[in-house]
N, C-alpha and C. Protein backbone atom coordinates (compact mmCIF):
# COMPACT_ATOMS: atom_id res chain seq x y z
N MET A 1 7.00 38.05 -10.83
CA MET A 1 6.02 37.11 -11.30
C MET A 1 6.31 35.75 -10.79
N ALA A 2 5.38 35.06 -10.52
CA ALA A 2 5.51 33.65 -10.10
C ALA A 2 6.16 32.67 -11.03
N ASN A 3 7.05 31.81 -10.64
CA ASN A 3 7.81 30.90 -11.43
C ASN A 3 7.33 29.52 -11.37
N THR A 4 6.55 29.10 -10.32
CA THR A 4 6.19 27.76 -10.13
C THR A 4 4.62 27.78 -9.93
N PRO A 5 4.02 26.57 -10.39
CA PRO A 5 2.65 26.44 -10.21
C PRO A 5 2.08 26.73 -8.83
N SER A 6 2.86 26.39 -7.77
CA SER A 6 2.43 26.60 -6.41
C SER A 6 2.43 28.05 -6.02
N ALA A 7 3.34 28.71 -6.64
CA ALA A 7 3.40 30.16 -6.38
C ALA A 7 2.27 30.82 -7.02
N GLU A 8 1.92 30.47 -8.31
CA GLU A 8 0.74 31.03 -8.91
C GLU A 8 -0.52 30.78 -8.20
N LYS A 9 -0.59 29.54 -7.65
CA LYS A 9 -1.78 29.21 -6.86
C LYS A 9 -1.89 30.12 -5.61
N ARG A 10 -0.81 30.30 -5.00
CA ARG A 10 -0.65 31.16 -3.82
C ARG A 10 -1.13 32.49 -3.95
N ILE A 11 -0.73 33.08 -5.24
CA ILE A 11 -1.20 34.39 -5.54
C ILE A 11 -2.67 34.47 -5.73
N ARG A 12 -3.32 33.48 -6.39
CA ARG A 12 -4.77 33.34 -6.54
C ARG A 12 -5.37 33.35 -5.18
N ARG A 13 -4.89 32.36 -4.36
CA ARG A 13 -5.52 32.30 -2.96
C ARG A 13 -5.43 33.61 -2.20
N ASN A 14 -4.11 34.24 -2.30
CA ASN A 14 -4.04 35.52 -1.51
C ASN A 14 -4.96 36.54 -1.91
N ALA A 15 -5.35 36.62 -3.22
CA ALA A 15 -6.32 37.58 -3.73
C ALA A 15 -7.65 37.36 -3.26
N ARG A 16 -8.06 35.94 -3.27
CA ARG A 16 -9.39 35.69 -2.69
C ARG A 16 -9.50 36.04 -1.23
N ARG A 17 -8.43 35.72 -0.49
CA ARG A 17 -8.49 35.87 0.92
C ARG A 17 -8.56 37.39 1.34
N ALA A 18 -7.76 38.11 0.47
CA ALA A 18 -7.71 39.62 0.61
C ALA A 18 -9.06 40.29 0.46
N ALA A 19 -9.84 39.78 -0.55
CA ALA A 19 -11.06 40.25 -0.90
C ALA A 19 -12.17 39.92 0.25
N VAL A 20 -12.01 38.73 0.73
CA VAL A 20 -12.90 38.37 2.01
C VAL A 20 -12.59 39.25 3.19
N ASN A 21 -11.33 39.32 3.45
CA ASN A 21 -10.88 40.09 4.68
C ASN A 21 -11.32 41.53 4.63
N LYS A 22 -11.24 42.15 3.25
CA LYS A 22 -11.53 43.46 3.14
C LYS A 22 -13.15 43.70 3.39
N ALA A 23 -13.88 42.73 2.94
CA ALA A 23 -15.32 42.82 3.13
C ALA A 23 -15.54 42.71 4.62
N ARG A 24 -14.91 41.85 5.28
CA ARG A 24 -15.18 41.74 6.62
C ARG A 24 -14.74 42.92 7.46
N LYS A 25 -13.68 43.49 7.23
CA LYS A 25 -13.17 44.79 7.85
C LYS A 25 -14.10 45.90 7.58
N SER A 26 -14.63 45.93 6.36
CA SER A 26 -15.67 46.96 6.00
C SER A 26 -17.03 46.94 6.71
N ARG A 27 -17.43 45.55 6.89
CA ARG A 27 -18.61 45.32 7.70
C ARG A 27 -18.38 45.69 9.15
N ILE A 28 -17.32 45.39 9.65
CA ILE A 28 -16.96 45.75 11.11
C ILE A 28 -17.02 47.24 11.22
N ARG A 29 -16.42 47.94 10.28
CA ARG A 29 -16.35 49.43 10.46
C ARG A 29 -17.69 50.01 10.35
N THR A 30 -18.65 49.41 9.45
CA THR A 30 -19.95 49.88 9.43
C THR A 30 -20.77 49.78 10.71
N PHE A 31 -20.61 48.54 11.37
CA PHE A 31 -21.21 48.44 12.68
C PHE A 31 -20.73 49.45 13.62
N VAL A 32 -19.38 49.66 13.82
CA VAL A 32 -18.86 50.54 14.71
C VAL A 32 -19.38 51.97 14.36
N LYS A 33 -19.48 52.31 13.09
CA LYS A 33 -20.04 53.72 12.78
C LYS A 33 -21.43 53.85 13.30
N LYS A 34 -22.24 52.75 13.19
CA LYS A 34 -23.69 52.88 13.61
C LYS A 34 -23.68 53.12 15.17
N VAL A 35 -22.76 52.55 15.90
CA VAL A 35 -22.59 52.76 17.42
C VAL A 35 -22.28 54.38 17.58
N GLU A 36 -21.28 54.82 16.74
CA GLU A 36 -20.75 56.07 16.93
C GLU A 36 -21.78 57.21 16.66
N SER A 37 -22.54 56.85 15.53
CA SER A 37 -23.57 57.79 15.23
C SER A 37 -24.74 57.92 16.30
N ALA A 38 -25.10 56.74 16.77
CA ALA A 38 -25.99 56.71 17.95
C ALA A 38 -25.53 57.48 19.07
N ILE A 39 -24.29 57.45 19.46
CA ILE A 39 -23.57 58.08 20.54
C ILE A 39 -23.76 59.61 20.22
N ALA A 40 -23.39 60.00 19.08
CA ALA A 40 -23.38 61.43 18.73
C ALA A 40 -24.88 61.94 18.76
N SER A 41 -25.77 61.24 18.45
CA SER A 41 -27.10 61.64 18.36
C SER A 41 -27.67 61.66 19.93
N GLY A 42 -26.93 61.11 20.87
CA GLY A 42 -27.31 61.06 22.23
C GLY A 42 -28.48 60.06 22.57
N ALA A 43 -28.79 59.23 21.71
CA ALA A 43 -29.62 58.18 21.96
C ALA A 43 -29.10 56.86 22.69
N ARG A 44 -29.13 56.82 23.90
CA ARG A 44 -28.44 55.89 24.71
C ARG A 44 -28.97 54.46 24.33
N ALA A 45 -30.25 54.28 24.26
CA ALA A 45 -30.88 53.01 23.93
C ALA A 45 -30.49 52.49 22.59
N ASP A 46 -30.53 53.42 21.69
CA ASP A 46 -30.09 53.02 20.26
C ASP A 46 -28.63 52.70 20.26
N ALA A 47 -27.81 53.47 20.97
CA ALA A 47 -26.39 53.10 21.09
C ALA A 47 -26.06 51.80 21.71
N LEU A 48 -26.88 51.48 22.78
CA LEU A 48 -26.67 50.17 23.45
C LEU A 48 -27.06 49.01 22.37
N LYS A 49 -28.24 49.10 21.76
CA LYS A 49 -28.58 48.07 20.72
C LYS A 49 -27.43 47.96 19.53
N ALA A 50 -26.94 49.09 19.06
CA ALA A 50 -25.93 49.14 18.11
C ALA A 50 -24.64 48.52 18.65
N LEU A 51 -24.34 48.73 19.86
CA LEU A 51 -23.17 48.07 20.48
C LEU A 51 -23.26 46.47 20.64
N ALA A 52 -24.53 46.23 20.97
CA ALA A 52 -24.82 44.76 21.21
C ALA A 52 -24.76 43.98 19.71
N ALA A 53 -25.04 44.89 18.65
CA ALA A 53 -24.74 44.18 17.31
C ALA A 53 -23.34 44.20 16.84
N ALA A 54 -22.61 45.27 17.33
CA ALA A 54 -21.31 45.51 16.81
C ALA A 54 -20.23 44.44 17.55
N GLN A 55 -20.53 44.15 18.89
CA GLN A 55 -19.70 43.37 19.66
C GLN A 55 -19.39 41.97 19.06
N PRO A 56 -20.47 41.26 18.55
CA PRO A 56 -20.13 39.97 18.01
C PRO A 56 -19.31 40.05 16.54
N GLU A 57 -19.54 41.10 15.94
CA GLU A 57 -18.91 41.31 14.64
C GLU A 57 -17.46 41.63 14.95
N LEU A 58 -17.11 42.36 15.89
CA LEU A 58 -15.72 42.69 16.28
C LEU A 58 -15.10 41.30 16.62
N MET A 59 -15.80 40.58 17.55
CA MET A 59 -15.14 39.29 18.02
C MET A 59 -15.02 38.25 16.97
N ARG A 60 -15.89 38.24 15.98
CA ARG A 60 -15.93 37.37 14.75
C ARG A 60 -14.60 37.75 13.93
N GLY A 61 -14.35 39.19 13.86
CA GLY A 61 -13.15 39.56 13.11
C GLY A 61 -11.87 39.08 13.94
N VAL A 62 -11.96 38.93 15.11
CA VAL A 62 -10.79 38.45 15.94
C VAL A 62 -10.59 36.98 15.62
N SER A 63 -11.72 36.17 15.64
CA SER A 63 -11.66 34.81 15.53
C SER A 63 -11.14 34.42 14.04
N LYS A 64 -11.47 35.31 13.06
CA LYS A 64 -11.06 35.16 11.71
C LYS A 64 -9.69 35.67 11.37
N GLY A 65 -9.21 36.23 12.27
CA GLY A 65 -7.81 36.79 12.00
C GLY A 65 -7.66 38.20 11.33
N VAL A 66 -8.78 38.83 11.41
CA VAL A 66 -8.66 40.20 10.73
C VAL A 66 -8.27 41.21 11.68
N LEU A 67 -8.67 41.12 12.82
CA LEU A 67 -8.38 41.88 13.90
C LEU A 67 -7.56 41.39 15.00
N HIS A 68 -6.78 42.06 15.71
CA HIS A 68 -6.06 41.54 16.92
C HIS A 68 -7.08 41.57 18.06
N LYS A 69 -6.84 40.63 18.94
CA LYS A 69 -7.75 40.59 20.02
C LYS A 69 -7.77 41.77 20.93
N ASN A 70 -6.67 42.37 21.13
CA ASN A 70 -6.63 43.55 22.00
C ASN A 70 -7.20 44.78 21.26
N THR A 71 -7.12 44.79 19.96
CA THR A 71 -7.74 45.95 19.17
C THR A 71 -9.29 45.90 19.30
N ALA A 72 -9.88 44.72 19.21
CA ALA A 72 -11.34 44.66 19.34
C ALA A 72 -11.72 44.94 20.81
N ALA A 73 -11.03 44.41 21.74
CA ALA A 73 -11.30 44.76 23.14
C ALA A 73 -11.23 46.21 23.41
N ARG A 74 -10.20 46.96 22.78
CA ARG A 74 -10.10 48.36 23.06
C ARG A 74 -11.19 49.11 22.51
N LYS A 75 -11.67 48.75 21.17
CA LYS A 75 -12.79 49.38 20.63
C LYS A 75 -14.04 49.24 21.47
N ILE A 76 -14.34 48.08 21.79
CA ILE A 76 -15.44 47.67 22.69
C ILE A 76 -15.47 48.43 23.98
N SER A 77 -14.32 48.55 24.57
CA SER A 77 -14.20 49.23 25.80
C SER A 77 -14.47 50.80 25.66
N ARG A 78 -13.88 51.36 24.69
CA ARG A 78 -13.95 52.78 24.41
C ARG A 78 -15.41 53.11 24.14
N LEU A 79 -16.06 52.37 23.28
CA LEU A 79 -17.55 52.55 22.91
C LEU A 79 -18.34 52.44 24.15
N THR A 80 -18.10 51.37 24.91
CA THR A 80 -18.89 51.30 26.15
C THR A 80 -18.75 52.45 27.14
N LYS A 81 -17.50 52.84 27.23
CA LYS A 81 -17.42 53.89 28.16
C LYS A 81 -18.00 55.30 27.66
N ARG A 82 -17.92 55.43 26.36
CA ARG A 82 -18.62 56.70 25.67
C ARG A 82 -20.26 56.50 25.99
N ILE A 83 -20.81 55.28 25.92
CA ILE A 83 -22.23 55.05 26.08
C ILE A 83 -22.49 55.31 27.57
N ALA A 84 -21.70 54.79 28.46
CA ALA A 84 -21.96 54.99 29.85
C ALA A 84 -22.07 56.40 30.18
N ALA A 85 -21.29 57.33 29.41
CA ALA A 85 -21.25 58.82 29.90
C ALA A 85 -22.54 59.53 29.26
N LEU A 86 -23.28 58.85 28.46
CA LEU A 86 -24.60 59.45 27.95
C LEU A 86 -25.50 59.59 29.02
N PRO A 87 -26.30 60.72 29.06
CA PRO A 87 -27.24 60.80 30.13
C PRO A 87 -28.51 59.81 29.88
N ASP A 88 -29.13 59.31 30.92
CA ASP A 88 -30.15 58.41 30.83
C ASP A 88 -31.41 59.12 30.19
N ALA A 89 -32.10 58.43 29.29
CA ALA A 89 -33.27 59.12 28.67
C ALA A 89 -34.44 58.26 28.74
């Protein structure tokens, strides 16, 4: 338990930030899942649109400190590679 007012304030602040970061990570995961479902269905055009929407979300997570830069780059790279492997339709 916190013994000082500043420690109590820090606990409140950490709880607020954790909630914001959790929501941000959940939003990012949702965007990535949309890309993966489009890839699974084989719809290349839909997958490209979904990736175009997911990419800024991933990079926003990086700028906000929720994701590491290399993690976002790796996810984008792997999704792009999977989309490139889809047949043209």
